[in-house]
C-alpha atoms as a PDB file:
ATOM      1  CA  MET A   1      13.306 -15.830 -37.818  1.00  0.00           C
ATOM      2  CA  GLU A   2      14.227 -12.934 -35.090  1.00  0.00           C
ATOM      3  CA  GLU A   3      11.158 -13.123 -33.404  1.00  0.00           C
ATOM      4  CA  LEU A   4      10.636 -16.455 -33.311  1.00  0.00           C
ATOM      5  CA  ASN A   5      14.332 -16.566 -31.364  1.00  0.00           C
ATOM      6  CA  LEU A   6      13.127 -14.209 -28.961  1.00  0.00           C
ATOM      7  CA  THR A   7       9.916 -15.951 -27.727  1.00  0.00           C
ATOM      8  CA  SER A   8      11.875 -19.176 -27.404  1.00  0.00           C
ATOM      9  CA  PHE A   9      13.192 -17.702 -23.937  1.00  0.00           C
ATOM     10  CA  GLN A  10       9.888 -16.087 -23.075  1.00  0.00           C
ATOM     11  CA  PRO A  11       9.544 -18.674 -19.742  1.00  0.00           C
ATOM     12  CA  ALA A  12       6.650 -20.251 -18.730  1.00  0.00           C
ATOM     13  CA  THR A  13       6.936 -19.890 -15.252  1.00  0.00           C
ATOM     14  CA  PHE A  14       8.679 -17.557 -12.649  1.00  0.00           C
ATOM     15  CA  HIS A  15      10.813 -18.902  -9.593  1.00  0.00           C
ATOM     16  CA  LEU A  16       9.333 -16.791  -6.384  1.00  0.00           C
ATOM     17  CA  MET A  17      11.502 -16.856  -3.293  1.00  0.00           C
ATOM     18  CA  GLY A  18      11.157 -16.842   0.425  1.00  0.00           C
ATOM     19  CA  PHE A  19      14.075 -16.319   2.547  1.00  0.00           C
ATOM     20  CA  PRO A  20      17.692 -17.324   0.890  1.00  0.00           C
ATOM     21  CA  GLY A  21      19.222 -19.006   3.265  1.00  0.00           C
ATOM     22  CA  LEU A  22      16.770 -20.309   5.274  1.00  0.00           C
ATOM     23  CA  GLU A  23      14.540 -22.670   3.363  1.00  0.00           C
ATOM     24  CA  GLN A  24      14.571 -25.125   6.367  1.00  0.00           C
ATOM     25  CA  LEU A  25      12.306 -22.318   8.456  1.00  0.00           C
ATOM     26  CA  HIS A  26       9.997 -21.852   5.797  1.00  0.00           C
ATOM     27  CA  PRO A  27       7.349 -24.145   7.742  1.00  0.00           C
ATOM     28  CA  TRP A  28       8.264 -22.243  11.192  1.00  0.00           C
ATOM     29  CA  LEU A  29       8.072 -18.666   9.865  1.00  0.00           C
ATOM     30  CA  SER A  30       4.851 -19.295   7.880  1.00  0.00           C
ATOM     31  CA  ILE A  31       3.406 -18.980  11.858  1.00  0.00           C
ATOM     32  CA  PRO A  32       4.100 -15.306  11.991  1.00  0.00           C
ATOM     33  CA  PHE A  33       3.262 -14.457   8.117  1.00  0.00           C
ATOM     34  CA  CYS A  34      -0.187 -16.297   9.332  1.00  0.00           C
ATOM     35  CA  VAL A  35      -0.358 -14.229  12.508  1.00  0.00           C
ATOM     36  CA  LEU A  36       0.354 -11.340  10.770  1.00  0.00           C
ATOM     37  CA  TYR A  37      -1.905 -11.703   7.491  1.00  0.00           C
ATOM     38  CA  ALA A  38      -4.908 -12.524   9.886  1.00  0.00           C
ATOM     39  CA  VAL A  39      -4.660  -9.288  11.869  1.00  0.00           C
ATOM     40  CA  ALA A  40      -4.105  -7.511   9.035  1.00  0.00           C
ATOM     41  CA  ILE A  41      -7.518  -8.331   7.121  1.00  0.00           C
ATOM     42  CA  LEU A  42      -9.212  -9.024  10.316  1.00  0.00           C
ATOM     43  CA  GLY A  43      -8.301  -5.284  11.329  1.00  0.00           C
ATOM     44  CA  ASN A  44      -9.170  -3.595   8.160  1.00  0.00           C
ATOM     45  CA  CYS A  45     -12.550  -5.777   7.959  1.00  0.00           C
ATOM     46  CA  THR A  46     -13.278  -4.709  11.129  1.00  0.00           C
ATOM     47  CA  VAL A  47     -12.710  -0.906  10.416  1.00  0.00           C
ATOM     48  CA  LEU A  48     -15.007  -1.414   7.260  1.00  0.00           C
ATOM     49  CA  LEU A  49     -17.677  -3.316   9.218  1.00  0.00           C
ATOM     50  CA  VAL A  50     -17.557  -0.532  11.852  1.00  0.00           C
ATOM     51  CA  ILE A  51     -17.653   2.176   9.464  1.00  0.00           C
ATOM     52  CA  VAL A  52     -20.579   0.372   7.665  1.00  0.00           C
ATOM     53  CA  LYS A  53     -22.796  -0.677   9.626  1.00  0.00           C
ATOM     54  CA  ASP A  54     -22.689   3.171  11.892  1.00  0.00           C
ATOM     55  CA  ARG A  55     -24.757   5.598  10.108  1.00  0.00           C
ATOM     56  CA  SER A  56     -23.354   8.119  12.083  1.00  0.00           C
ATOM     57  CA  LEU A  57     -19.985   7.599  11.034  1.00  0.00           C
ATOM     58  CA  HIS A  58     -21.137   8.164   7.155  1.00  0.00           C
ATOM     59  CA  ASN A  59     -21.052  12.277   7.508  1.00  0.00           C
ATOM     60  CA  LYS A  60     -17.578  12.289   8.789  1.00  0.00           C
ATOM     61  CA  PRO A  61     -15.411  12.901   5.825  1.00  0.00           C
ATOM     62  CA  MET A  62     -12.119  11.604   8.013  1.00  0.00           C
ATOM     63  CA  HIS A  63     -13.957   8.299   8.360  1.00  0.00           C
ATOM     64  CA  LEU A  64     -15.068   7.780   4.608  1.00  0.00           C
ATOM     65  CA  PHE A  65     -11.348   8.170   3.983  1.00  0.00           C
ATOM     66  CA  LEU A  66     -10.659   5.983   6.284  1.00  0.00           C
ATOM     67  CA  SER A  67     -12.762   3.124   4.700  1.00  0.00           C
ATOM     68  CA  MET A  68     -10.956   3.951   1.406  1.00  0.00           C
ATOM     69  CA  LEU A  69      -7.731   3.157   3.464  1.00  0.00           C
ATOM     70  CA  ALA A  70      -8.693  -0.241   4.414  1.00  0.00           C
ATOM     71  CA  VAL A  71     -10.110  -1.264   1.036  1.00  0.00           C
ATOM     72  CA  SER A  72      -6.547  -0.349  -0.758  1.00  0.00           C
ATOM     73  CA  GLU A  73      -4.543  -2.409   2.343  1.00  0.00           C
ATOM     74  CA  LEU A  74      -7.058  -5.211   2.218  1.00  0.00           C
ATOM     75  CA  GLY A  75      -5.999  -5.316  -1.514  1.00  0.00           C
ATOM     76  CA  VAL A  76      -2.155  -5.624  -0.885  1.00  0.00           C
ATOM     77  CA  SER A  77      -2.480  -8.217   1.739  1.00  0.00           C
ATOM     78  CA  LEU A  78      -4.643 -10.776  -0.335  1.00  0.00           C
ATOM     79  CA  SER A  79      -3.096  -9.783  -3.543  1.00  0.00           C
ATOM     80  CA  THR A  80       0.268 -11.010  -1.826  1.00  0.00           C
ATOM     81  CA  LEU A  81      -1.438 -13.743   0.596  1.00  0.00           C
ATOM     82  CA  PRO A  82      -1.698 -16.627  -1.798  1.00  0.00           C
ATOM     83  CA  THR A  83       1.865 -17.126  -3.284  1.00  0.00           C
ATOM     84  CA  VAL A  84       3.418 -15.869   0.283  1.00  0.00           C
ATOM     85  CA  LEU A  85       1.707 -18.795   2.306  1.00  0.00           C
ATOM     86  CA  SER A  86       2.058 -21.410  -0.763  1.00  0.00           C
ATOM     87  CA  VAL A  87       5.679 -20.719  -0.890  1.00  0.00           C
ATOM     88  CA  PHE A  88       6.230 -20.920   3.008  1.00  0.00           C
ATOM     89  CA  LEU A  89       3.889 -23.848   3.353  1.00  0.00           C
ATOM     90  CA  PHE A  90       4.046 -25.289   0.906  1.00  0.00           C
ATOM     91  CA  ASP A  91       7.127 -24.851  -0.898  1.00  0.00           C
ATOM     92  CA  ALA A  92       4.946 -23.892  -4.507  1.00  0.00           C
ATOM     93  CA  CYS A  93       7.767 -21.445  -5.870  1.00  0.00           C
ATOM     94  CA  GLU A  94       6.624 -21.609  -9.287  1.00  0.00           C
ATOM     95  CA  ILE A  95       4.201 -18.978 -10.801  1.00  0.00           C
ATOM     96  CA  GLY A  96       3.397 -18.239 -15.052  1.00  0.00           C
ATOM     97  CA  MET A  97       4.423 -15.612 -16.162  1.00  0.00           C
ATOM     98  CA  ASP A  98       0.375 -14.298 -16.588  1.00  0.00           C
ATOM     99  CA  ALA A  99      -0.320 -14.673 -13.568  1.00  0.00           C
ATOM    100  CA  CYS A 100       3.308 -12.839 -12.376  1.00  0.00           C
ATOM    101  CA  LEU A 101       2.152  -9.996 -14.306  1.00  0.00           C
ATOM    102  CA  ALA A 102      -1.631  -9.750 -12.966  1.00  0.00           C
ATOM    103  CA  GLN A 103      -0.492  -9.920  -9.301  1.00  0.00           C
ATOM    104  CA  MET A 104       2.344  -7.434  -9.850  1.00  0.00           C
ATOM    105  CA  PHE A 105      -0.456  -5.319 -11.209  1.00  0.00           C
ATOM    106  CA  ILE A 106      -2.935  -5.896  -8.450  1.00  0.00           C
ATOM    107  CA  ILE A 107      -0.171  -5.308  -5.684  1.00  0.00           C
ATOM    108  CA  HIS A 108       1.361  -2.203  -7.513  1.00  0.00           C
ATOM    109  CA  SER A 109      -1.878  -0.491  -7.701  1.00  0.00           C
ATOM    110  CA  PHE A 110      -3.920  -0.896  -4.336  1.00  0.00           C
ATOM    111  CA  SER A 111       0.161   0.412  -3.210  1.00  0.00           C
ATOM    112  CA  ILE A 112      -0.782   3.612  -5.674  1.00  0.00           C
ATOM    113  CA  MET A 113      -4.299   3.470  -4.229  1.00  0.00           C
ATOM    114  CA  ASP A 114      -3.247   3.588  -0.344  1.00  0.00           C
ATOM    115  CA  SER A 115      -0.409   6.422  -1.280  1.00  0.00           C
ATOM    116  CA  GLY A 116      -3.415   8.561  -2.815  1.00  0.00           C
ATOM    117  CA  VAL A 117      -5.718   7.746   0.136  1.00  0.00           C
ATOM    118  CA  LEU A 118      -2.994   9.269   2.413  1.00  0.00           C
ATOM    119  CA  TRP A 119      -2.558  12.362   0.067  1.00  0.00           C
ATOM    120  CA  LEU A 120      -6.727  13.001   0.802  1.00  0.00           C
ATOM    121  CA  MET A 121      -6.143  12.288   4.506  1.00  0.00           C
ATOM    122  CA  ALA A 122      -4.185  15.064   4.430  1.00  0.00           C
ATOM    123  CA  LEU A 123      -6.178  17.365   2.571  1.00  0.00           C
ATOM    124  CA  ASP A 124      -8.830  16.402   4.777  1.00  0.00           C
ATOM    125  CA  ARG A 125      -7.072  17.921   8.255  1.00  0.00           C
ATOM    126  CA  LEU A 126      -5.571  20.727   6.099  1.00  0.00           C
ATOM    127  CA  ILE A 127      -9.658  21.745   5.194  1.00  0.00           C
ATOM    128  CA  ALA A 128     -10.754  20.788   9.009  1.00  0.00           C
ATOM    129  CA  ILE A 129      -8.229  22.906  10.856  1.00  0.00           C
ATOM    130  CA  TYR A 130      -8.281  25.947   7.890  1.00  0.00           C
ATOM    131  CA  SER A 131     -11.506  26.123   7.461  1.00  0.00           C
ATOM    132  CA  PRO A 132     -13.878  24.117  10.294  1.00  0.00           C
ATOM    133  CA  LEU A 133     -17.092  25.849   9.597  1.00  0.00           C
ATOM    134  CA  GLN A 134     -16.763  24.937   5.865  1.00  0.00           C
ATOM    135  CA  TYR A 135     -15.379  21.676   6.472  1.00  0.00           C
ATOM    136  CA  THR A 136     -18.769  18.864   5.404  1.00  0.00           C
ATOM    137  CA  ASN A 137     -19.691  21.827   2.869  1.00  0.00           C
ATOM    138  CA  ILE A 138     -16.527  21.031   1.205  1.00  0.00           C
ATOM    139  CA  LEU A 139     -15.863  17.425   1.458  1.00  0.00           C
ATOM    140  CA  THR A 140     -19.541  16.142   0.474  1.00  0.00           C
ATOM    141  CA  SER A 141     -20.199  12.417  -0.177  1.00  0.00           C
ATOM    142  CA  TYR A 142     -20.084  13.536  -4.076  1.00  0.00           C
ATOM    143  CA  ARG A 143     -16.852  15.073  -3.840  1.00  0.00           C
ATOM    144  CA  ILE A 144     -15.035  12.527  -1.737  1.00  0.00           C
ATOM    145  CA  ALA A 145     -16.708   9.540  -4.164  1.00  0.00           C
ATOM    146  CA  ALA A 146     -15.462  11.678  -7.236  1.00  0.00           C
ATOM    147  CA  MET A 147     -11.545  11.804  -5.612  1.00  0.00           C
ATOM    148  CA  GLY A 148     -11.695   7.831  -4.277  1.00  0.00           C
ATOM    149  CA  SER A 149     -12.825   6.572  -8.069  1.00  0.00           C
ATOM    150  CA  GLY A 150      -9.862   9.332  -9.365  1.00  0.00           C
ATOM    151  CA  ILE A 151      -7.334   8.041  -7.082  1.00  0.00           C
ATOM    152  CA  ALA A 152      -8.720   4.437  -7.829  1.00  0.00           C
ATOM    153  CA  ILE A 153      -8.427   5.484 -11.959  1.00  0.00           C
ATOM    154  CA  ARG A 154      -5.107   6.755 -11.469  1.00  0.00           C
ATOM    155  CA  SER A 155      -3.703   3.468 -10.052  1.00  0.00           C
ATOM    156  CA  ILE A 156      -5.050   1.114 -12.782  1.00  0.00           C
ATOM    157  CA  VAL A 157      -4.490   3.336 -15.776  1.00  0.00           C
ATOM    158  CA  LEU A 158      -0.627   4.149 -15.030  1.00  0.00           C
ATOM    159  CA  MET A 159      -0.051   0.222 -13.611  1.00  0.00           C
ATOM    160  CA  GLY A 160      -2.032  -1.307 -16.948  1.00  0.00           C
ATOM    161  CA  PRO A 161       1.116  -0.032 -19.578  1.00  0.00           C
ATOM    162  CA  LEU A 162       3.955  -1.134 -17.544  1.00  0.00           C
ATOM    163  CA  ALA A 163       2.426  -5.179 -16.997  1.00  0.00           C
ATOM    164  CA  VAL A 164       1.703  -4.849 -21.270  1.00  0.00           C
ATOM    165  CA  LEU A 165       5.541  -3.662 -21.301  1.00  0.00           C
ATOM    166  CA  LEU A 166       7.097  -6.306 -19.524  1.00  0.00           C
ATOM    167  CA  ARG A 167       5.105  -8.580 -21.579  1.00  0.00           C
ATOM    168  CA  ARG A 168       6.250  -8.143 -24.683  1.00  0.00           C
ATOM    169  CA  LEU A 169      10.106  -8.558 -23.858  1.00  0.00           C
ATOM    170  CA  PRO A 170      11.708 -11.694 -23.935  1.00  0.00           C
ATOM    171  CA  PHE A 171      13.093 -13.123 -20.428  1.00  0.00           C
ATOM    172  CA  CYS A 172      16.330 -15.381 -21.249  1.00  0.00           C
ATOM    173  CA  ARG A 173      17.922 -15.127 -17.942  1.00  0.00           C
ATOM    174  CA  PRO A 174      17.582 -17.362 -14.545  1.00  0.00           C
ATOM    175  CA  SER A 175      13.258 -16.341 -13.831  1.00  0.00           C
ATOM    176  CA  VAL A 176      13.935 -16.161 -10.034  1.00  0.00           C
ATOM    177  CA  LEU A 177      12.482 -13.613  -8.272  1.00  0.00           C
ATOM    178  CA  ALA A 178      13.915 -12.132  -5.340  1.00  0.00           C
ATOM    179  CA  HIS A 179      10.623 -12.261  -3.191  1.00  0.00           C
ATOM    180  CA  PRO A 180       7.666 -14.692  -2.872  1.00  0.00           C
ATOM    181  CA  TYR A 181       5.273 -12.630  -5.065  1.00  0.00           C
ATOM    182  CA  CYS A 182       5.782 -10.238  -8.235  1.00  0.00           C
ATOM    183  CA  LEU A 183       7.120  -6.866  -7.841  1.00  0.00           C
ATOM    184  CA  HIS A 184       8.188  -4.915 -10.814  1.00  0.00           C
ATOM    185  CA  PRO A 185      11.627  -3.701  -9.589  1.00  0.00           C
ATOM    186  CA  ASN A 186      12.192  -6.970  -9.380  1.00  0.00           C
ATOM    187  CA  LEU A 187      10.999  -8.307 -12.619  1.00  0.00           C
ATOM    188  CA  ILE A 188      12.438  -5.466 -15.113  1.00  0.00           C
ATOM    189  CA  ARG A 189      15.753  -6.730 -14.532  1.00  0.00           C
ATOM    190  CA  LEU A 190      15.282  -9.739 -16.285  1.00  0.00           C
ATOM    191  CA  PRO A 191      14.635  -9.514 -19.297  1.00  0.00           C
ATOM    192  CA  CYS A 192      17.978  -9.900 -22.313  1.00  0.00           C
ATOM    193  CA  ALA A 193      16.209  -7.342 -24.052  1.00  0.00           C
ATOM    194  CA  ASP A 194      16.375  -2.985 -24.299  1.00  0.00           C
ATOM    195  CA  THR A 195      14.555  -2.393 -20.394  1.00  0.00           C
ATOM    196  CA  THR A 196      15.085   1.319 -20.938  1.00  0.00           C
ATOM    197  CA  ILE A 197      11.308   2.425 -21.885  1.00  0.00           C
ATOM    198  CA  ASN A 198      10.169  -0.277 -18.853  1.00  0.00           C
ATOM    199  CA  SER A 199      12.404   1.853 -16.527  1.00  0.00           C
ATOM    200  CA  CYS A 200      11.308   5.300 -17.847  1.00  0.00           C
ATOM    201  CA  ALA A 201       8.188   4.254 -17.776  1.00  0.00           C
ATOM    202  CA  GLY A 202       8.260   2.637 -14.053  1.00  0.00           C
ATOM    203  CA  LEU A 203      10.332   6.042 -12.961  1.00  0.00           C
ATOM    204  CA  PHE A 204       7.072   8.050 -14.128  1.00  0.00           C
ATOM    205  CA  VAL A 205       4.310   6.223 -12.370  1.00  0.00           C
ATOM    206  CA  VAL A 206       6.534   6.320  -9.214  1.00  0.00           C
ATOM    207  CA  LEU A 207       7.367  10.218  -9.617  1.00  0.00           C
ATOM    208  CA  SER A 208       3.466  10.845 -10.495  1.00  0.00           C
ATOM    209  CA  THR A 209       2.161   8.624  -7.922  1.00  0.00           C
ATOM    210  CA  PHE A 210       4.643   8.418  -5.092  1.00  0.00           C
ATOM    211  CA  GLY A 211       6.628  11.379  -5.373  1.00  0.00           C
ATOM    212  CA  LEU A 212       3.694  13.594  -5.938  1.00  0.00           C
ATOM    213  CA  ASP A 213       1.484  12.251  -3.279  1.00  0.00           C
ATOM    214  CA  SER A 214       4.485  12.380  -0.744  1.00  0.00           C
ATOM    215  CA  LEU A 215       4.776  16.298  -1.987  1.00  0.00           C
ATOM    216  CA  CYS A 216       1.327  17.282  -1.635  1.00  0.00           C
ATOM    217  CA  ILE A 217       1.246  15.650   1.767  1.00  0.00           C
ATOM    218  CA  VAL A 218       4.407  17.705   3.160  1.00  0.00           C
ATOM    219  CA  LEU A 219       2.816  20.584   1.695  1.00  0.00           C
ATOM    220  CA  SER A 220      -0.656  20.115   3.218  1.00  0.00           C
ATOM    221  CA  TYR A 221       1.486  19.949   6.702  1.00  0.00           C
ATOM    222  CA  VAL A 222       3.391  22.830   6.083  1.00  0.00           C
ATOM    223  CA  MET A 223       0.101  24.782   5.640  1.00  0.00           C
ATOM    224  CA  ILE A 224      -1.633  22.925   8.749  1.00  0.00           C
ATOM    225  CA  LEU A 225       1.337  23.886  10.964  1.00  0.00           C
ATOM    226  CA  LYS A 226       0.761  27.304  10.058  1.00  0.00           C
ATOM    227  CA  THR A 227      -2.798  27.628  10.868  1.00  0.00           C
ATOM    228  CA  VAL A 228      -1.948  25.748  14.090  1.00  0.00           C
ATOM    229  CA  LEU A 229       0.524  28.256  14.914  1.00  0.00           C
ATOM    230  CA  SER A 230      -1.768  31.246  14.679  1.00  0.00           C
ATOM    231  CA  ILE A 231      -4.084  29.699  17.153  1.00  0.00           C
ATOM    232  CA  ALA A 232      -3.653  32.002  20.179  1.00  0.00           C
ATOM    233  CA  SER A 233      -4.378  28.980  23.291  1.00  0.00           C
ATOM    234  CA  LYS A 234      -1.813  26.238  23.611  1.00  0.00           C
ATOM    235  CA  GLU A 235      -4.627  23.835  24.291  1.00  0.00           C
ATOM    236  CA  GLY A 236      -6.455  24.707  20.506  1.00  0.00           C
ATOM    237  CA  ARG A 237      -3.226  24.271  19.087  1.00  0.00           C
ATOM    238  CA  LEU A 238      -2.544  20.896  20.849  1.00  0.00           C
ATOM    239  CA  LYS A 239      -5.922  19.653  19.951  1.00  0.00           C
ATOM    240  CA  ALA A 240      -6.054  20.949  16.508  1.00  0.00           C
ATOM    241  CA  LEU A 241      -2.605  18.664  16.025  1.00  0.00           C
ATOM    242  CA  ASN A 242      -3.605  16.260  17.659  1.00  0.00           C
ATOM    243  CA  THR A 243      -6.637  15.601  15.219  1.00  0.00           C
ATOM    244  CA  CYS A 244      -3.403  14.948  12.872  1.00  0.00           C
ATOM    245  CA  ALA A 245      -1.418  11.972  15.373  1.00  0.00           C
ATOM    246  CA  SER A 246      -3.364   8.909  13.386  1.00  0.00           C
ATOM    247  CA  HIS A 247      -2.637  10.395  10.175  1.00  0.00           C
ATOM    248  CA  LEU A 248       0.656  10.907  10.933  1.00  0.00           C
ATOM    249  CA  TRP A 249       1.098   7.912  12.193  1.00  0.00           C
ATOM    250  CA  ALA A 250       0.010   6.040   9.192  1.00  0.00           C
ATOM    251  CA  VAL A 251       2.394   8.335   6.575  1.00  0.00           C
ATOM    252  CA  LEU A 252       5.258   7.192   8.989  1.00  0.00           C
ATOM    253  CA  VAL A 253       4.808   3.659   8.696  1.00  0.00           C
ATOM    254  CA  TYR A 254       3.813   3.661   4.835  1.00  0.00           C
ATOM    255  CA  TYR A 255       6.659   5.654   3.658  1.00  0.00           C
ATOM    256  CA  THR A 256       9.283   4.870   5.552  1.00  0.00           C
ATOM    257  CA  PRO A 257       9.585   1.439   4.671  1.00  0.00           C
ATOM    258  CA  MET A 258       9.145   2.468   1.216  1.00  0.00           C
ATOM    259  CA  MET A 259      12.056   4.611   1.548  1.00  0.00           C
ATOM    260  CA  GLY A 260      13.769   1.453   2.979  1.00  0.00           C
ATOM    261  CA  VAL A 261      13.386  -0.611   0.179  1.00  0.00           C
ATOM    262  CA  SER A 262      14.123   2.113  -2.150  1.00  0.00           C
ATOM    263  CA  VAL A 263      17.695   2.641  -0.421  1.00  0.00           C
ATOM    264  CA  ALA A 264      17.820  -0.822  -0.067  1.00  0.00           C
ATOM    265  CA  HIS A 265      17.054  -1.781  -3.656  1.00  0.00           C
ATOM    266  CA  ARG A 266      19.533   1.872  -5.167  1.00  0.00           C
ATOM    267  CA  PHE A 267      22.273   1.179  -3.005  1.00  0.00           C
ATOM    268  CA  GLY A 268      22.425  -2.283  -1.113  1.00  0.00           C
ATOM    269  CA  THR A 269      23.449  -4.404  -4.656  1.00  0.00           C
ATOM    270  CA  HIS A 270      26.173  -5.826  -2.138  1.00  0.00           C
ATOM    271  CA  ALA A 271      23.560  -6.547   1.034  1.00  0.00           C
ATOM    272  CA  SER A 272      22.434  -9.753   1.723  1.00  0.00           C
ATOM    273  CA  PRO A 273      19.126 -11.168  -0.127  1.00  0.00           C
ATOM    274  CA  LEU A 274      18.112 -11.299   2.474  1.00  0.00           C
ATOM    275  CA  LEU A 275      17.761  -7.885   3.517  1.00  0.00           C
ATOM    276  CA  HIS A 276      16.209  -7.112   0.372  1.00  0.00           C
ATOM    277  CA  SER A 277      13.561  -9.662   1.264  1.00  0.00           C
ATOM    278  CA  LEU A 278      12.917  -8.565   4.531  1.00  0.00           C
ATOM    279  CA  MET A 279      12.491  -5.030   3.758  1.00  0.00           C
ATOM    280  CA  ALA A 280       9.851  -5.948   1.058  1.00  0.00           C
ATOM    281  CA  HIS A 281       8.453  -7.664   3.790  1.00  0.00           C
ATOM    282  CA  ILE A 282       8.014  -4.911   5.735  1.00  0.00           C
ATOM    283  CA  TYR A 283       6.900  -2.627   3.220  1.00  0.00           C
ATOM    284  CA  LEU A 284       4.048  -4.801   2.299  1.00  0.00           C
ATOM    285  CA  LEU A 285       2.631  -5.947   5.338  1.00  0.00           C
ATOM    286  CA  LEU A 286       3.606  -3.680   8.336  1.00  0.00           C
ATOM    287  CA  PRO A 287       1.014  -0.455   7.444  1.00  0.00           C
ATOM    288  CA  PRO A 288      -2.271  -3.041   6.565  1.00  0.00           C
ATOM    289  CA  VAL A 289      -1.231  -4.258   9.776  1.00  0.00           C
ATOM    290  CA  VAL A 290      -0.527  -1.032  12.103  1.00  0.00           C
ATOM    291  CA  ASN A 291      -2.968   0.880  10.240  1.00  0.00           C
ATOM    292  CA  PRO A 292      -6.175  -0.596  12.054  1.00  0.00           C
ATOM    293  CA  ILE A 293      -4.661  -0.155  15.327  1.00  0.00           C
ATOM    294  CA  ILE A 294      -3.461   2.908  15.173  1.00  0.00           C
ATOM    295  CA  TYR A 295      -7.281   4.567  14.230  1.00  0.00           C
ATOM    296  CA  SER A 296      -8.569   1.996  16.801  1.00  0.00           C
ATOM    297  CA  ILE A 297      -6.981   3.524  19.196  1.00  0.00           C
ATOM    298  CA  LYS A 298      -6.439   6.925  18.434  1.00  0.00           C
ATOM    299  CA  THR A 299      -9.882   7.627  17.137  1.00  0.00           C
ATOM    300  CA  LYS A 300     -12.488   8.197  19.514  1.00  0.00           C
ATOM    301  CA  GLU A 301     -15.565   7.748  17.414  1.00  0.00           C
ATOM    302  CA  ILE A 302     -14.179   4.198  15.762  1.00  0.00           C
ATOM    303  CA  ARG A 303     -13.630   3.173  19.312  1.00  0.00           C
ATOM    304  CA  LYS A 304     -17.117   4.205  20.266  1.00  0.00           C
ATOM    305  CA  ALA A 305     -18.610   2.619  17.375  1.00  0.00           C
ATOM    306  CA  LEU A 306     -17.043  -0.913  17.705  1.00  0.00           C
ATOM    307  CA  SER A 307     -18.055  -0.773  21.063  1.00  0.00           C
ATOM    308  CA  ARG A 308     -21.621  -0.274  20.301  1.00  0.00           C
ATOM    309  CA  LEU A 309     -21.358  -2.663  17.579  1.00  0.00           C
ATOM    310  CA  LEU A 310     -19.539  -5.364  19.758  1.00  0.00           C
ATOM    311  CA  PHE A 311     -22.506  -5.091  22.484  1.00  0.00           C
ATOM    312  CA  GLN A 312     -25.468  -5.405  19.686  1.00  0.00           C
ATOM    313  CA  LYS A 313     -23.330  -9.061  18.185  1.00  0.00           C
ATOM    314  CA  THR A 314     -23.392  -9.811  22.262  1.00  0.00           C
ATOM    315  CA  PHE A 315     -26.497  -9.213  22.845  1.00  0.00           C
END
């Protein structure tokens, strides 16, 4: 009987929110969102196409890792795009529970992949600077594929239980989400049952992915800096550091908004809901928009390959 009462509280749908208090402006706000999503999707697809088409880039581990980064950022963009545009353009704010949990799983899985790929790219830069003569021998295509597969499997294995644990809980509070997409930190606040297991599982996922990845990135750059400082010439040191510039920008673009979102959720309980919504959008949209631009500008091989591809298409 108690089980029947609990399941009766299970909401059929969740209500997605755009920018609280700015509902009348949503059709106008959809314009910049459409532009940003177009830039993100077009930019990452272009990077992927350039790397796939230009065989000279296949033998360079850095570009294979860059293609993985483009795939993960495409996944984040495409998984949030349908509900964001439906809320802002069509005021369609309802989403079913199973669809919401599926979206949560996909968004967080690709976001975890993004973090893991950034760590692999830090490892790539460390090997390239610490042992340049053995660089291609260490990072073979087989090992790169194995590391990429491991990152993808880690994301799926860790996020699957979170969706299952949420699915079994009764939701008897108002099922209004703070964003136009489903995120675990938002969903975990809605059940009217004990969510201790869910919270512990979520914390474990965060620490074993974002926490571990960021620690490995920091340690990698400590070793990179130590190696660079041992180079005798100033030109050699600058050249070595310059090879890390694009990756450092990508790390900053990814982790800075993430820390902002975490701080806002943890300490900004009395802050405006508009701030939380804005920070979440920046966290999910900024890296897919900015990273292809950074790598297209800073990576000479990508620029040359893009020029060759455009030249062939034009003529």
